[in-house]
Every structure is written in C-alpha cells, then in structure tokens.
C-alpha atoms as a PDB file:
ATOM      1  CA  UNK A   1       8.321  55.111 -95.388  1.00  0.00           C
ATOM      2  CA  UNK A   2      10.024  56.764 -92.062  1.00  0.00           C
ATOM      3  CA  UNK A   3       7.943  59.010 -89.356  1.00  0.00           C
ATOM      4  CA  UNK A   4       9.263  62.494 -91.109  1.00  0.00           C
ATOM      5  CA  UNK A   5       8.059  61.351 -94.292  1.00  0.00           C
ATOM      6  CA  UNK A   6       4.678  60.043 -93.350  1.00  0.00           C
ATOM      7  CA  UNK A   7       4.341  63.739 -91.002  1.00  0.00           C
ATOM      8  CA  UNK A   8       4.972  65.464 -94.527  1.00  0.00           C
ATOM      9  CA  UNK A   9       2.661  63.516 -96.890  1.00  0.00           C
ATOM     10  CA  UNK A  10      -0.530  64.675 -94.243  1.00  0.00           C
ATOM     11  CA  UNK A  11       1.093  68.024 -94.463  1.00  0.00           C
ATOM     12  CA  UNK A  12       0.744  67.606 -98.057  1.00  0.00           C
ATOM     13  CA  UNK A  13      -2.417  66.272 -98.173  1.00  0.00           C
ATOM     14  CA  UNK A  14      -3.559  69.320 -95.534  1.00  0.00           C
ATOM     15  CA  UNK A  15      -1.692  72.134 -97.856  1.00  0.00           C
ATOM     16  CA  UNK A  16      -3.767  70.820-101.472  1.00  0.00           C
ATOM     17  CA  UNK A  17      -6.915  70.539 -99.367  1.00  0.00           C
ATOM     18  CA  UNK A  18      -5.875  74.323 -98.210  1.00  0.00           C
ATOM     19  CA  UNK A  19      -5.772  75.099-101.926  1.00  0.00           C
ATOM     20  CA  UNK A  20      -8.534  73.230-102.890  1.00  0.00           C
ATOM     21  CA  UNK A  21     -10.740  75.168-100.290  1.00  0.00           C
ATOM     22  CA  UNK A  22      -9.277  78.912-100.863  1.00  0.00           C
ATOM     23  CA  UNK A  23     -10.545  78.552-104.677  1.00  0.00           C
ATOM     24  CA  UNK A  24     -13.619  77.764-103.345  1.00  0.00           C
ATOM     25  CA  UNK A  25     -16.338  80.909-104.089  1.00  0.00           C
ATOM     26  CA  UNK A  26     -19.551  79.489-102.803  1.00  0.00           C
ATOM     27  CA  UNK A  27     -20.145  79.718 -98.801  1.00  0.00           C
ATOM     28  CA  UNK A  28     -20.728  76.107 -99.008  1.00  0.00           C
ATOM     29  CA  UNK A  29     -18.259  73.207 -99.959  1.00  0.00           C
ATOM     30  CA  UNK A  30     -20.189  70.968-102.336  1.00  0.00           C
ATOM     31  CA  UNK A  31     -18.187  69.842-104.369  1.00  0.00           C
ATOM     32  CA  UNK A  32     -17.383  66.093-103.677  1.00  0.00           C
ATOM     33  CA  UNK A  33     -14.024  66.082-104.447  1.00  0.00           C
ATOM     34  CA  UNK A  34     -13.355  68.630-102.052  1.00  0.00           C
ATOM     35  CA  UNK A  35     -14.881  66.384 -98.967  1.00  0.00           C
ATOM     36  CA  UNK A  36     -12.934  63.307-100.463  1.00  0.00           C
ATOM     37  CA  UNK A  37      -9.339  65.315 -99.918  1.00  0.00           C
ATOM     38  CA  UNK A  38     -10.872  66.074 -96.285  1.00  0.00           C
ATOM     39  CA  UNK A  39     -11.808  62.768 -95.440  1.00  0.00           C
ATOM     40  CA  UNK A  40      -8.404  62.102 -96.832  1.00  0.00           C
ATOM     41  CA  UNK A  41      -6.269  63.973 -94.530  1.00  0.00           C
ATOM     42  CA  UNK A  42      -8.638  63.118 -91.768  1.00  0.00           C
ATOM     43  CA  UNK A  43      -8.020  59.815 -92.430  1.00  0.00           C
ATOM     44  CA  UNK A  44      -4.461  59.684 -93.207  1.00  0.00           C
ATOM     45  CA  UNK A  45      -3.933  61.366 -89.680  1.00  0.00           C
ATOM     46  CA  UNK A  46      -5.754  59.090 -87.369  1.00  0.00           C
ATOM     47  CA  UNK A  47      -4.618  56.096 -89.168  1.00  0.00           C
ATOM     48  CA  UNK A  48      -0.660  57.080 -89.786  1.00  0.00           C
ATOM     49  CA  UNK A  49       0.604  60.191 -88.192  1.00  0.00           C
ATOM     50  CA  UNK A  50      -1.308  60.335 -84.775  1.00  0.00           C
ATOM     51  CA  UNK A  51       0.624  57.416 -83.409  1.00  0.00           C
ATOM     52  CA  UNK A  52       3.830  59.059 -84.151  1.00  0.00           C
ATOM     53  CA  UNK A  53       3.329  62.177 -81.781  1.00  0.00           C
ATOM     54  CA  UNK A  54       2.914  60.699 -78.811  1.00  0.00           C
ATOM     55  CA  UNK A  55       6.813  59.461 -78.992  1.00  0.00           C
ATOM     56  CA  UNK A  56       8.139  62.662 -80.319  1.00  0.00           C
ATOM     57  CA  UNK A  57       7.986  64.715 -76.892  1.00  0.00           C
ATOM     58  CA  UNK A  58       4.865  66.418 -78.374  1.00  0.00           C
ATOM     59  CA  UNK A  59       2.861  68.118 -75.733  1.00  0.00           C
ATOM     60  CA  UNK A  60      -0.527  66.933 -75.181  1.00  0.00           C
ATOM     61  CA  UNK A  61      -2.079  70.275 -75.637  1.00  0.00           C
ATOM     62  CA  UNK A  62      -0.866  70.080 -79.141  1.00  0.00           C
ATOM     63  CA  UNK A  63      -2.180  66.687 -79.754  1.00  0.00           C
ATOM     64  CA  UNK A  64      -5.134  67.400 -78.581  1.00  0.00           C
ATOM     65  CA  UNK A  65      -6.066  70.066 -80.783  1.00  0.00           C
ATOM     66  CA  UNK A  66      -4.709  68.604 -83.964  1.00  0.00           C
ATOM     67  CA  UNK A  67      -6.988  65.593 -83.100  1.00  0.00           C
ATOM     68  CA  UNK A  68     -10.368  68.254 -82.573  1.00  0.00           C
ATOM     69  CA  UNK A  69      -9.317  69.889 -85.759  1.00  0.00           C
ATOM     70  CA  UNK A  70      -9.053  66.586 -87.818  1.00  0.00           C
ATOM     71  CA  UNK A  71     -12.188  65.041 -86.205  1.00  0.00           C
ATOM     72  CA  UNK A  72     -13.941  68.294 -87.131  1.00  0.00           C
ATOM     73  CA  UNK A  73     -12.735  67.943 -90.952  1.00  0.00           C
ATOM     74  CA  UNK A  74     -14.090  64.522 -90.852  1.00  0.00           C
ATOM     75  CA  UNK A  75     -17.275  65.452 -89.857  1.00  0.00           C
ATOM     76  CA  UNK A  76     -17.633  68.595 -91.931  1.00  0.00           C
ATOM     77  CA  UNK A  77     -16.280  66.453 -95.020  1.00  0.00           C
ATOM     78  CA  UNK A  78     -19.517  64.060 -94.364  1.00  0.00           C
ATOM     79  CA  UNK A  79     -22.255  66.237 -95.079  1.00  0.00           C
ATOM     80  CA  UNK A  80     -22.785  69.731 -96.331  1.00  0.00           C
ATOM     81  CA  UNK A  81     -21.174  72.855 -94.449  1.00  0.00           C
ATOM     82  CA  UNK A  82     -19.739  75.879 -94.928  1.00  0.00           C
ATOM     83  CA  UNK A  83     -16.280  76.717 -96.101  1.00  0.00           C
ATOM     84  CA  UNK A  84     -15.202  79.125 -93.172  1.00  0.00           C
ATOM     85  CA  UNK A  85     -15.765  75.767 -90.702  1.00  0.00           C
ATOM     86  CA  UNK A  86     -13.047  74.345 -93.410  1.00  0.00           C
ATOM     87  CA  UNK A  87     -10.907  77.331 -93.210  1.00  0.00           C
ATOM     88  CA  UNK A  88     -10.985  77.809 -89.444  1.00  0.00           C
ATOM     89  CA  UNK A  89      -9.662  73.758 -89.174  1.00  0.00           C
ATOM     90  CA  UNK A  90      -7.334  74.180 -91.715  1.00  0.00           C
ATOM     91  CA  UNK A  91      -5.897  77.260 -89.958  1.00  0.00           C
ATOM     92  CA  UNK A  92      -5.058  75.465 -86.977  1.00  0.00           C
ATOM     93  CA  UNK A  93      -3.263  72.664 -88.281  1.00  0.00           C
ATOM     94  CA  UNK A  94      -1.317  74.494 -90.978  1.00  0.00           C
ATOM     95  CA  UNK A  95      -0.168  76.971 -87.635  1.00  0.00           C
ATOM     96  CA  UNK A  96       0.966  73.776 -85.686  1.00  0.00           C
ATOM     97  CA  UNK A  97       2.815  71.647 -88.406  1.00  0.00           C
ATOM     98  CA  UNK A  98       5.915  73.132 -88.177  1.00  0.00           C
ATOM     99  CA  UNK A  99       6.252  72.832 -84.343  1.00  0.00           C
ATOM    100  CA  UNK A 100       5.263  68.718 -84.693  1.00  0.00           C
ATOM    101  CA  UNK A 101       7.429  68.580 -88.149  1.00  0.00           C
ATOM    102  CA  UNK A 102      10.582  70.009 -85.989  1.00  0.00           C
ATOM    103  CA  UNK A 103      10.151  67.176 -83.027  1.00  0.00           C
ATOM    104  CA  UNK A 104       9.758  64.477 -85.591  1.00  0.00           C
ATOM    105  CA  UNK A 105      13.133  65.739 -87.383  1.00  0.00           C
ATOM    106  CA  UNK A 106      14.766  66.042 -83.714  1.00  0.00           C
ATOM    107  CA  UNK A 107      13.550  62.265 -82.896  1.00  0.00           C
ATOM    108  CA  UNK A 108      14.736  61.048 -86.281  1.00  0.00           C
ATOM    109  CA  UNK A 109      18.028  62.285 -85.779  1.00  0.00           C
ATOM    110  CA  UNK A 110      18.643  61.394 -82.194  1.00  0.00           C
ATOM    111  CA  UNK A 111      17.610  57.890 -83.692  1.00  0.00           C
ATOM    112  CA  UNK A 112      20.419  58.022 -86.174  1.00  0.00           C
ATOM    113  CA  UNK A 113      22.647  59.174 -83.922  1.00  0.00           C
ATOM    114  CA  UNK A 114      22.363  56.375 -81.196  1.00  0.00           C
ATOM    115  CA  UNK A 115      22.487  53.935 -84.395  1.00  0.00           C
ATOM    116  CA  UNK A 116      25.524  55.498 -85.652  1.00  0.00           C
ATOM    117  CA  UNK A 117      27.722  55.431 -82.147  1.00  0.00           C
ATOM    118  CA  UNK A 118      30.343  52.798 -81.945  1.00  0.00           C
ATOM    119  CA  UNK A 119      31.184  51.399 -78.645  1.00  0.00           C
ATOM    120  CA  UNK A 120      34.542  53.644 -78.369  1.00  0.00           C
ATOM    121  CA  UNK A 121      31.895  57.211 -79.423  1.00  0.00           C
ATOM    122  CA  UNK A 122      29.573  55.276 -76.202  1.00  0.00           C
ATOM    123  CA  UNK A 123      32.704  55.244 -73.881  1.00  0.00           C
ATOM    124  CA  UNK A 124      33.657  58.508 -74.563  1.00  0.00           C
ATOM    125  CA  UNK A 125      29.951  60.221 -73.955  1.00  0.00           C
ATOM    126  CA  UNK A 126      29.547  58.239 -70.998  1.00  0.00           C
ATOM    127  CA  UNK A 127      32.695  59.273 -69.360  1.00  0.00           C
ATOM    128  CA  UNK A 128      32.204  62.953 -70.140  1.00  0.00           C
ATOM    129  CA  UNK A 129      28.656  63.460 -68.780  1.00  0.00           C
ATOM    130  CA  UNK A 130      30.159  62.370 -65.503  1.00  0.00           C
ATOM    131  CA  UNK A 131      33.215  64.721 -65.674  1.00  0.00           C
ATOM    132  CA  UNK A 132      32.607  67.548 -68.032  1.00  0.00           C
ATOM    133  CA  UNK A 133      29.056  67.516 -69.667  1.00  0.00           C
ATOM    134  CA  UNK A 134      29.223  70.676 -71.659  1.00  0.00           C
ATOM    135  CA  UNK A 135      32.456  68.502 -73.684  1.00  0.00           C
ATOM    136  CA  UNK A 136      29.745  65.552 -73.673  1.00  0.00           C
ATOM    137  CA  UNK A 137      27.226  67.741 -75.601  1.00  0.00           C
ATOM    138  CA  UNK A 138      29.304  68.845 -78.294  1.00  0.00           C
ATOM    139  CA  UNK A 139      30.591  65.601 -78.987  1.00  0.00           C
ATOM    140  CA  UNK A 140      27.333  64.480 -79.462  1.00  0.00           C
ATOM    141  CA  UNK A 141      26.420  67.830 -81.283  1.00  0.00           C
ATOM    142  CA  UNK A 142      29.005  66.730 -83.722  1.00  0.00           C
ATOM    143  CA  UNK A 143      28.159  63.314 -83.799  1.00  0.00           C
ATOM    144  CA  UNK A 144      24.735  64.215 -84.762  1.00  0.00           C
ATOM    145  CA  UNK A 145      26.149  66.393 -87.329  1.00  0.00           C
ATOM    146  CA  UNK A 146      27.930  63.558 -89.333  1.00  0.00           C
ATOM    147  CA  UNK A 147      25.069  61.189 -89.104  1.00  0.00           C
ATOM    148  CA  UNK A 148      22.461  63.463 -90.285  1.00  0.00           C
ATOM    149  CA  UNK A 149      22.203  62.789 -94.320  1.00  0.00           C
ATOM    150  CA  UNK A 150      20.677  66.274 -95.291  1.00  0.00           C
ATOM    151  CA  UNK A 151      23.071  68.318 -93.327  1.00  0.00           C
ATOM    152  CA  UNK A 152      24.749  71.278 -95.897  1.00  0.00           C
ATOM    153  CA  UNK A 153      27.433  72.713 -93.778  1.00  0.00           C
ATOM    154  CA  UNK A 154      30.176  70.909 -91.473  1.00  0.00           C
ATOM    155  CA  UNK A 155      31.990  73.892 -90.048  1.00  0.00           C
ATOM    156  CA  UNK A 156      30.519  74.157 -86.960  1.00  0.00           C
ATOM    157  CA  UNK A 157      30.663  70.383 -86.295  1.00  0.00           C
ATOM    158  CA  UNK A 158      34.844  70.806 -86.516  1.00  0.00           C
ATOM    159  CA  UNK A 159      34.211  73.635 -83.836  1.00  0.00           C
ATOM    160  CA  UNK A 160      31.931  71.423 -81.484  1.00  0.00           C
ATOM    161  CA  UNK A 161      34.863  68.730 -81.807  1.00  0.00           C
ATOM    162  CA  UNK A 162      37.591  71.025 -81.003  1.00  0.00           C
ATOM    163  CA  UNK A 163      35.819  72.680 -78.296  1.00  0.00           C
ATOM    164  CA  UNK A 164      34.894  69.128 -76.576  1.00  0.00           C
ATOM    165  CA  UNK A 165      38.758  68.093 -76.541  1.00  0.00           C
ATOM    166  CA  UNK A 166      39.913  71.801 -75.516  1.00  0.00           C
ATOM    167  CA  UNK A 167      36.733  71.660 -72.572  1.00  0.00           C
ATOM    168  CA  UNK A 168      38.307  68.453 -71.337  1.00  0.00           C
ATOM    169  CA  UNK A 169      41.702  69.737 -71.321  1.00  0.00           C
ATOM    170  CA  UNK A 170      41.176  72.536 -69.263  1.00  0.00           C
ATOM    171  CA  UNK A 171      39.217  70.418 -66.697  1.00  0.00           C
ATOM    172  CA  UNK A 172      42.539  67.800 -66.317  1.00  0.00           C
ATOM    173  CA  UNK A 173      45.123  70.703 -66.976  1.00  0.00           C
ATOM    174  CA  UNK A 174      44.114  73.966 -65.745  1.00  0.00           C
ATOM    175  CA  UNK A 175      46.438  76.599 -67.001  1.00  0.00           C
ATOM    176  CA  UNK A 176      47.727  77.603 -63.587  1.00  0.00           C
ATOM    177  CA  UNK A 177      48.680  74.129 -62.971  1.00  0.00           C
ATOM    178  CA  UNK A 178      50.396  73.459 -66.491  1.00  0.00           C
ATOM    179  CA  UNK A 179      52.358  76.970 -66.370  1.00  0.00           C
ATOM    180  CA  UNK A 180      53.640  76.181 -62.535  1.00  0.00           C
ATOM    181  CA  UNK A 181      55.486  73.087 -64.024  1.00  0.00           C
ATOM    182  CA  UNK A 182      58.989  73.507 -63.660  1.00  0.00           C
ATOM    183  CA  UNK A 183      60.953  74.180 -66.872  1.00  0.00           C
ATOM    184  CA  UNK A 184      57.295  75.123 -68.510  1.00  0.00           C
ATOM    185  CA  UNK A 185      57.823  77.941 -71.224  1.00  0.00           C
ATOM    186  CA  UNK A 186      54.691  79.261 -73.287  1.00  0.00           C
ATOM    187  CA  UNK A 187      55.018  78.976 -77.305  1.00  0.00           C
ATOM    188  CA  UNK A 188      56.211  81.887 -79.487  1.00  0.00           C
ATOM    189  CA  UNK A 189      53.081  84.275 -79.541  1.00  0.00           C
ATOM    190  CA  UNK A 190      50.847  82.349 -77.197  1.00  0.00           C
ATOM    191  CA  UNK A 191      49.765  83.848 -73.911  1.00  0.00           C
ATOM    192  CA  UNK A 192      48.691  80.493 -72.076  1.00  0.00           C
ATOM    193  CA  UNK A 193      49.021  76.850 -72.461  1.00  0.00           C
ATOM    194  CA  UNK A 194      48.235  75.441 -76.147  1.00  0.00           C
ATOM    195  CA  UNK A 195      46.572  72.116 -76.180  1.00  0.00           C
ATOM    196  CA  UNK A 196      49.407  70.008 -77.193  1.00  0.00           C
ATOM    197  CA  UNK A 197      51.528  71.358 -74.107  1.00  0.00           C
ATOM    198  CA  UNK A 198      48.121  70.498 -71.822  1.00  0.00           C
ATOM    199  CA  UNK A 199      48.680  66.822 -72.929  1.00  0.00           C
ATOM    200  CA  UNK A 200      52.159  66.614 -72.502  1.00  0.00           C
ATOM    201  CA  UNK A 201      51.710  67.440 -69.003  1.00  0.00           C
ATOM    202  CA  UNK A 202      48.480  65.092 -68.505  1.00  0.00           C
ATOM    203  CA  UNK A 203      50.610  62.278 -69.692  1.00  0.00           C
ATOM    204  CA  UNK A 204      53.859  63.387 -67.739  1.00  0.00           C
ATOM    205  CA  UNK A 205      52.012  63.916 -64.687  1.00  0.00           C
ATOM    206  CA  UNK A 206      50.739  59.526 -65.040  1.00  0.00           C
ATOM    207  CA  UNK A 207      54.580  58.733 -65.871  1.00  0.00           C
ATOM    208  CA  UNK A 208      54.338  58.207 -69.915  1.00  0.00           C
ATOM    209  CA  UNK A 209      57.482  58.292 -71.469  1.00  0.00           C
ATOM    210  CA  UNK A 210      57.873  60.575 -74.493  1.00  0.00           C
ATOM    211  CA  UNK A 211      57.693  57.805 -76.717  1.00  0.00           C
ATOM    212  CA  UNK A 212      54.069  57.287 -75.609  1.00  0.00           C
ATOM    213  CA  UNK A 213      53.744  60.426 -75.663  1.00  0.00           C
ATOM    214  CA  UNK A 214      53.940  60.710 -79.292  1.00  0.00           C
ATOM    215  CA  UNK A 215      50.622  59.748 -80.366  1.00  0.00           C
ATOM    216  CA  UNK A 216      48.269  61.865 -78.347  1.00  0.00           C
ATOM    217  CA  UNK A 217      50.176  64.778 -79.137  1.00  0.00           C
ATOM    218  CA  UNK A 218      50.566  64.611 -82.793  1.00  0.00           C
ATOM    219  CA  UNK A 219      46.847  64.021 -82.723  1.00  0.00           C
ATOM    220  CA  UNK A 220      45.930  67.386 -80.758  1.00  0.00           C
ATOM    221  CA  UNK A 221      48.499  68.711 -83.949  1.00  0.00           C
ATOM    222  CA  UNK A 222      46.000  67.133 -86.357  1.00  0.00           C
ATOM    223  CA  UNK A 223      43.117  68.293 -84.531  1.00  0.00           C
ATOM    224  CA  UNK A 224      44.312  72.052 -84.671  1.00  0.00           C
ATOM    225  CA  UNK A 225      45.317  71.958 -88.416  1.00  0.00           C
ATOM    226  CA  UNK A 226      41.907  70.582 -89.628  1.00  0.00           C
ATOM    227  CA  UNK A 227      39.947  72.721 -87.420  1.00  0.00           C
ATOM    228  CA  UNK A 228      41.722  75.489 -88.850  1.00  0.00           C
ATOM    229  CA  UNK A 229      41.071  74.577 -92.451  1.00  0.00           C
ATOM    230  CA  UNK A 230      37.376  73.958 -91.502  1.00  0.00           C
ATOM    231  CA  UNK A 231      37.137  77.413 -90.293  1.00  0.00           C
ATOM    232  CA  UNK A 232      38.555  78.929 -93.279  1.00  0.00           C
ATOM    233  CA  UNK A 233      36.692  76.843 -96.043  1.00  0.00           C
ATOM    234  CA  UNK A 234      34.690  78.693 -98.203  1.00  0.00           C
ATOM    235  CA  UNK A 235      32.603  76.530-101.316  1.00  0.00           C
ATOM    236  CA  UNK A 236      32.084  77.385-104.615  1.00  0.00           C
ATOM    237  CA  UNK A 237      28.569  77.731-105.218  1.00  0.00           C
ATOM    238  CA  UNK A 238      28.896  75.620-108.432  1.00  0.00           C
ATOM    239  CA  UNK A 239      29.982  72.617-106.568  1.00  0.00           C
ATOM    240  CA  UNK A 240      28.216  72.757-103.134  1.00  0.00           C
ATOM    241  CA  UNK A 241      27.856  69.250-103.226  1.00  0.00           C
ATOM    242  CA  UNK A 242      31.226  68.169-104.000  1.00  0.00           C
ATOM    243  CA  UNK A 243      32.184  70.990-101.195  1.00  0.00           C
ATOM    244  CA  UNK A 244      29.631  69.091 -98.318  1.00  0.00           C
ATOM    245  CA  UNK A 245      30.873  65.721 -99.312  1.00  0.00           C
ATOM    246  CA  UNK A 246      34.654  66.764 -98.724  1.00  0.00           C
ATOM    247  CA  UNK A 247      33.914  68.839 -95.458  1.00  0.00           C
ATOM    248  CA  UNK A 248      32.029  65.830 -93.951  1.00  0.00           C
ATOM    249  CA  UNK A 249      35.046  63.572 -94.586  1.00  0.00           C
ATOM    250  CA  UNK A 250      37.855  66.112 -93.125  1.00  0.00           C
ATOM    251  CA  UNK A 251      35.260  66.662 -89.973  1.00  0.00           C
ATOM    252  CA  UNK A 252      35.006  62.916 -90.211  1.00  0.00           C
ATOM    253  CA  UNK A 253      38.814  62.566 -90.175  1.00  0.00           C
ATOM    254  CA  UNK A 254      39.185  65.397 -87.236  1.00  0.00           C
ATOM    255  CA  UNK A 255      36.900  63.159 -85.005  1.00  0.00           C
ATOM    256  CA  UNK A 256      39.157  60.291 -85.284  1.00  0.00           C
ATOM    257  CA  UNK A 257      42.128  62.583 -84.398  1.00  0.00           C
ATOM    258  CA  UNK A 258      40.123  63.669 -81.229  1.00  0.00           C
ATOM    259  CA  UNK A 259      38.878  60.017 -80.350  1.00  0.00           C
ATOM    260  CA  UNK A 260      42.578  59.197 -80.424  1.00  0.00           C
ATOM    261  CA  UNK A 261      42.941  61.765 -77.811  1.00  0.00           C
ATOM    262  CA  UNK A 262      40.154  61.646 -75.392  1.00  0.00           C
ATOM    263  CA  UNK A 263      40.351  57.639 -74.848  1.00  0.00           C
ATOM    264  CA  UNK A 264      44.054  58.147 -74.126  1.00  0.00           C
ATOM    265  CA  UNK A 265      43.562  60.930 -71.827  1.00  0.00           C
ATOM    266  CA  UNK A 266      40.356  59.853 -70.460  1.00  0.00           C
ATOM    267  CA  UNK A 267      42.211  56.010 -69.669  1.00  0.00           C
ATOM    268  CA  UNK A 268      39.415  53.870 -71.496  1.00  0.00           C
END
C-alpha cells in the first residue's frame, strides 16, 4: 500500500467513526463498537499514517494538532465519555484532512515523476534550470502530468511543453536579433519570427549546414501541429477513456519532438 492509500484508509476510518458518532442520540458514547472504531482510527494514525507526515512538507503545527486530536480520541475511547468531546476532535481532524491529502498526493507525484525521468530528461531540466528557469518548470510539469496515472486531461500538458520550447527559443534567439539578419522575411500573416525561423537562426549562427538543420526544423513543425491538435481536441462523453489514452499518446509524441529540438539547440 502506498502512502496516499494509507492516508486514505485513515480518512475512511475517521469518516466511518464520524457517521457512527453523528447517529448517537445519548449524551455519552456508550456503545463499545463506536469506542472500538475510535481506538482503531487512533491506532491507524499513530502506527501507519503519522510516520508519513514528516516527509510530506506538512508544517509542525498541523501535525501537532493532529497528534493531539488522535491522542484525545484514544483517551476518550478508553472509558465512558461525552459525545460532544468526540465530535470536537473529529471536526479538527476532518478540517485538516484535505490539506494533508493534497500534500501527500503532491509528494507521491514528485516521486513518480522523479522515477520516470530519463537521462535526457535530467540533462534538459538541469540545463534549463540554469538558463531559463521558467521553461524548466513548464517542462517538469509536463513530465509530471505524463506520469500521473489519474490525470484525465492532457491539453494543458501539451501547452506546457510548447511554452518551454518557446521560452528557450526566445532566450537564444530574441525577435529583434532574428529580424535583423540579412535576408530575413516574416512568414505570411506573421508579425514576428516563428519558432522554426528561430531554430534555423540559432543553427545557422553555429555554422550548421542546411542538411543538418533539417531534423530540428521539422521537429518544430511537428510541435506546432500537435499542439494545435491538442488545443482543438474535444472528447466524446461516451468514450472518455479512449480520449484520455489518445491525448496522453499525443503529448508523449509531442515531448519526443520537443526533446529533439532542445537537445540540439542546447547542445546536449
């Protein structure tokens, strides 16, 4: 069982206890079954869930409040105690639970994303973090999306990849520098250089032959085409799973073309 599942098991136990206590009409919780639920939830927290929290960037104050609330639940369950006391502790736990859930999901996503990185991914990220940090963030977000088994939309992921590439090209080939080159002409209906023209400018400045420019130039055209298709894509509610699988594949293809360009122009 992974960390998020362990936490969810605890949340399920707390919700079940909350339902039981909410049905209690007496001043005190006398039912041994309810008290057993409280003990089980507290033990689940202390033995399984509590060790997870320190590694999930959860602040000490939040952890401390949870510690006290579950310790109090365990104490309440040891003898006959008032229903309101149970409800007070459960309100604290249920109010804090969504924050904990989100932090654990984020940590799990970072772990999955790190495991999925290839050597090329790591090279690109490290280089972008030094040169164009905002592009590194977009690239890392797209990788995290692709490794997220629960994600149901990838159109934004495609945009993140395109933006990462665009920012790198703007950094290496500013518009004014490209437009100042002898013989430069804007493409039809364009007011500034295209990504393809920027790639050609960068490679030409490095003395690359036209033949050698072909692969990254063609890859940029594929990036533009795939990004456009993703932006226009809509799904049929009757076949959502097919749509998700298809767009995931499209973004994975898009990443391969973005990688071709980045590895070349970053000289990796």
